[in-house]
Every structure is written in structure tokens, then in C-alpha cells.
Amino acid sequence: MRHHDEHPDHDDEIEWVSKSEMKRESHALQQLGESLVKLKPSELAKVPLDEELQDAIALAHRLGNKREALRRHLQFIGKLMRSRDVSAIQEALAAFDHKSAVANAHFHKLELWRDRLIKEGDKGVDALLAEYRELDRQKLRQLARQGRKELAAGLPPKAYRELFQYLKQQLEP
């Protein structure tokens, strides 16, 4: 007497993915590949890529302005990405995005301080020195005063730029 198991093992179940979902995933991987192609060489060196992907990205750089060839090649890079674990690549790109966001925030903060110093004069200088004691009061006052004069006279913003550069040098993140 033969005994058949009528219920298939639950571990053998196949997870079905819709065609639309597969297309979305392919498109996302292709965009990830495009992000890699847009990176500077110094940044790209920090991303964990195998040799085949490195070669494909190098070829994409050589294709340059050949629009249709580049489009097809980016699709190929997306196809290569499907057979790889891309989590490490995504983490590396997220780290670049985070660094960029931090740098942009710092840059914006410097611009706000510069504008405040020129607008408020000594009051702005005192506020800045309360937060950053190591700065040169005399230099800040001089550059802020020159910046106000240039602004009022409609002259090129030489001191305005110098003030920003001074803040940038002194207040590095």
C-alpha cells in the first residue's frame, strides 16, 4: 500500500512576482547603475564593485555623448545588477548622499552668518563670536563693514566673498 502526501511542503512554495513589480525592480536597478556612472572616480573607488561592473561603468564613461548607446548600456548595467547583492552599493551611495547633505547644510549656515554679519554689523559679529570664540573680531568687523559699503555703493562684492571664504576656512565642519 502506497501512501501519498497530498499537501505540498510549505517551504517549497514559490513566491510569484507580478510583471509590473519585476519592471519596477529592473528600473530601480538601472537607476542605481546610472547613479554609479555619475560618480566621480574618487567616489567610485570607494564603492564595492566587482570587476565586471567596474568595466561596464568604465565603458559607460567612454560612451559619453552617444545618447542611444549610453541608454542601452545603462540597461545592460541594470541587468548586471540583477544578479548581484546591491545592498553594499546602496549603502555606499547613501553615505555619499549624507556627506553631500551635511556639506550643503554647512555651506548654507556659512551663507547665513555672512549675510547676518553684513546686515547687523557689530551685533552680528558679537553673536558669531559668542558661538565661535576662536575667530578674529577685528577681521570680521572690517570685512562686514567693507561688505556693507560695497553693497550700498553697488560695487562688486569683493569683501562679501572674502568674508565667506574667511568663515569657510575658520569654521570647517
Protein backbone atom coordinates (compact mmCIF):
# COMPACT_ATOMS: atom_id res chain seq x y z
CA MET A 1 0.00 0.00 0.00
CA ARG A 2 1.41 3.40 -1.10
CA HIS A 3 0.90 6.47 1.00
CA HIS A 4 0.93 9.81 -0.88
CA ASP A 5 1.36 13.12 0.82
CA GLU A 6 -1.41 15.27 -0.62
CA HIS A 7 -0.18 18.56 0.90
CA PRO A 8 2.99 20.02 -0.56
CA ASP A 9 5.63 21.16 1.85
CA HIS A 10 5.20 24.86 2.73
CA ASP A 11 8.91 25.51 2.27
CA ASP A 12 8.60 24.64 -1.42
CA GLU A 13 6.06 27.36 -2.17
CA ILE A 14 7.08 29.72 -4.94
CA GLU A 15 6.62 33.43 -4.42
CA TRP A 16 5.08 34.93 -7.54
CA VAL A 17 6.08 38.43 -8.52
CA SER A 18 3.98 40.39 -10.98
CA LYS A 19 5.46 41.55 -14.25
CA SER A 20 4.93 45.17 -13.16
CA GLU A 21 6.87 44.56 -9.95
CA MET A 22 9.71 42.98 -11.92
CA LYS A 23 9.80 46.04 -14.22
CA ARG A 24 9.88 48.41 -11.23
CA GLU A 25 12.77 46.46 -9.70
CA SER A 26 14.65 46.45 -13.02
CA HIS A 27 14.12 50.19 -13.41
CA ALA A 28 15.33 50.82 -9.85
CA LEU A 29 18.49 48.80 -10.51
CA GLN A 30 19.06 50.67 -13.75
CA GLN A 31 18.77 53.97 -11.85
CA LEU A 32 21.25 52.64 -9.30
CA GLY A 33 23.61 51.92 -12.19
CA GLU A 34 23.09 55.46 -13.54
CA SER A 35 23.98 56.82 -10.11
CA LEU A 36 27.21 54.81 -10.20
CA VAL A 37 28.07 56.13 -13.66
CA LYS A 38 27.58 59.74 -12.43
CA LEU A 39 30.02 59.34 -9.53
CA LYS A 40 33.46 60.95 -9.57
CA PRO A 41 36.31 58.44 -9.96
CA SER A 42 37.42 59.08 -6.36
CA GLU A 43 33.92 58.26 -5.09
CA LEU A 44 33.53 55.27 -7.40
CA ALA A 45 36.73 53.77 -5.96
CA LYS A 46 35.02 53.65 -2.54
CA VAL A 47 32.04 51.62 -3.82
CA PRO A 48 32.35 47.82 -3.55
CA LEU A 49 32.08 46.68 -7.18
CA ASP A 50 33.20 43.51 -8.88
CA GLU A 51 35.42 43.67 -11.95
CA GLU A 52 32.59 43.14 -14.44
CA LEU A 53 30.62 46.10 -13.06
CA GLN A 54 33.74 48.28 -12.95
CA ASP A 55 34.39 47.51 -16.62
CA ALA A 56 30.77 48.23 -17.55
CA ILE A 57 30.87 51.59 -15.76
CA ALA A 58 34.19 52.48 -17.41
CA LEU A 59 32.62 51.72 -20.80
CA ALA A 60 29.64 53.93 -19.93
CA HIS A 61 32.08 56.78 -19.25
CA ARG A 62 33.71 56.24 -22.65
CA LEU A 63 30.33 56.27 -24.42
CA GLY A 64 29.88 59.84 -23.18
CA ASN A 65 27.66 61.76 -25.56
CA LYS A 66 26.47 58.81 -27.66
CA ARG A 67 22.96 59.02 -26.29
CA GLU A 68 21.31 55.86 -27.60
CA ALA A 69 24.37 53.70 -26.98
CA LEU A 70 24.61 55.03 -23.44
CA ARG A 71 20.89 54.36 -22.83
CA ARG A 72 21.26 50.74 -23.95
CA HIS A 73 24.45 50.32 -21.94
CA LEU A 74 22.73 51.64 -18.80
CA GLN A 75 20.06 48.99 -19.33
CA PHE A 76 22.85 46.42 -19.54
CA ILE A 77 24.33 47.70 -16.26
CA GLY A 78 20.87 47.35 -14.70
CA LYS A 79 20.76 43.76 -15.97
CA LEU A 80 24.16 43.06 -14.40
CA MET A 81 22.91 44.48 -11.11
CA ARG A 82 20.01 42.00 -11.00
CA SER A 83 22.37 39.11 -10.38
CA ARG A 84 24.17 40.82 -7.51
CA ASP A 85 23.50 41.78 -3.92
CA VAL A 86 23.32 45.56 -4.25
CA SER A 87 22.85 46.40 -0.56
CA ALA A 88 26.53 47.34 -0.07
CA ILE A 89 26.39 49.54 -3.19
CA GLN A 90 23.22 51.25 -1.93
CA GLU A 91 24.84 51.85 1.47
CA ALA A 92 27.90 53.43 -0.16
CA LEU A 93 25.72 55.74 -2.27
CA ALA A 94 23.63 56.68 0.77
CA ALA A 95 26.84 57.62 2.61
CA PHE A 96 27.78 59.95 -0.29
CA ASP A 97 24.32 61.50 -0.20
CA HIS A 98 24.60 62.03 3.55
CA LYS A 99 28.02 63.69 3.22
CA SER A 100 26.66 65.91 0.49
CA ALA A 101 23.65 66.91 2.60
CA VAL A 102 25.91 67.71 5.56
CA ALA A 103 28.20 69.80 3.35
CA ASN A 104 25.23 71.67 1.87
CA ALA A 105 23.86 72.41 5.33
CA HIS A 106 27.24 73.71 6.48
CA PHE A 107 27.56 75.86 3.35
CA HIS A 108 24.08 77.29 3.94
CA LYS A 109 24.95 78.06 7.57
CA LEU A 110 28.06 79.96 6.43
CA GLU A 111 26.00 81.97 3.95
CA LEU A 112 23.51 82.88 6.69
CA TRP A 113 26.31 84.03 9.01
CA ARG A 114 27.91 86.10 6.25
CA ASP A 115 24.60 87.80 5.42
CA ARG A 116 23.88 88.41 9.08
CA LEU A 117 27.32 89.95 9.67
CA ILE A 118 26.90 92.33 6.76
CA LYS A 119 23.36 93.26 7.75
CA GLU A 120 23.84 93.59 11.53
CA GLY A 121 27.48 94.69 11.78
CA ASP A 122 28.92 94.59 15.32
CA LYS A 123 25.79 92.97 16.74
CA GLY A 124 26.18 90.07 14.26
CA VAL A 125 29.91 89.84 15.00
CA ASP A 126 29.16 89.58 18.74
CA ALA A 127 26.59 86.83 18.10
CA LEU A 128 29.06 84.88 15.95
CA LEU A 129 31.87 85.27 18.49
CA ALA A 130 29.58 84.04 21.25
CA GLU A 131 29.32 80.77 19.35
CA TYR A 132 32.86 80.64 17.86
CA ARG A 133 35.33 82.34 20.22
CA GLU A 134 38.41 81.49 18.13
CA LEU A 135 37.54 83.93 15.29
CA ASP A 136 39.29 87.26 14.79
CA ARG A 137 36.88 90.05 15.86
CA GLN A 138 38.79 92.78 14.05
CA LYS A 139 38.87 90.91 10.75
CA LEU A 140 35.16 90.08 10.98
CA ARG A 141 34.24 93.71 11.72
CA GLN A 142 36.46 95.00 8.90
CA LEU A 143 35.08 92.59 6.28
CA ALA A 144 31.48 93.16 7.38
CA ARG A 145 31.94 96.95 7.19
CA GLN A 146 33.56 96.72 3.73
CA GLY A 147 30.79 94.37 2.58
CA ARG A 148 28.11 96.87 3.69
CA LYS A 149 29.89 99.72 1.87
CA GLU A 150 30.20 97.66 -1.34
CA LEU A 151 26.55 96.67 -1.15
CA ALA A 152 25.40 100.26 -0.59
CA ALA A 153 27.60 101.63 -3.41
CA GLY A 154 26.68 98.85 -5.85
CA LEU A 155 30.30 97.77 -6.16
CA PRO A 156 31.45 94.21 -6.91
CA PRO A 157 31.12 92.09 -3.73
CA LYS A 158 34.83 91.55 -3.03
CA ALA A 159 34.63 91.81 0.79
CA TYR A 160 31.37 89.82 0.70
CA ARG A 161 33.27 86.93 -0.89
CA GLU A 162 36.30 87.40 1.37
CA LEU A 163 34.07 87.22 4.43
CA PHE A 164 32.54 83.97 3.20
CA GLN A 165 35.99 82.49 2.47
CA TYR A 166 37.24 83.51 5.92
CA LEU A 167 34.24 81.85 7.58
CA LYS A 168 34.67 78.77 5.42
CA GLN A 169 38.34 78.41 6.38
CA GLN A 170 37.80 79.01 10.07
CA LEU A 171 34.56 77.05 10.57
CA GLU A 172 35.31 73.80 8.76
CA PRO A 173 32.96 71.01 9.86
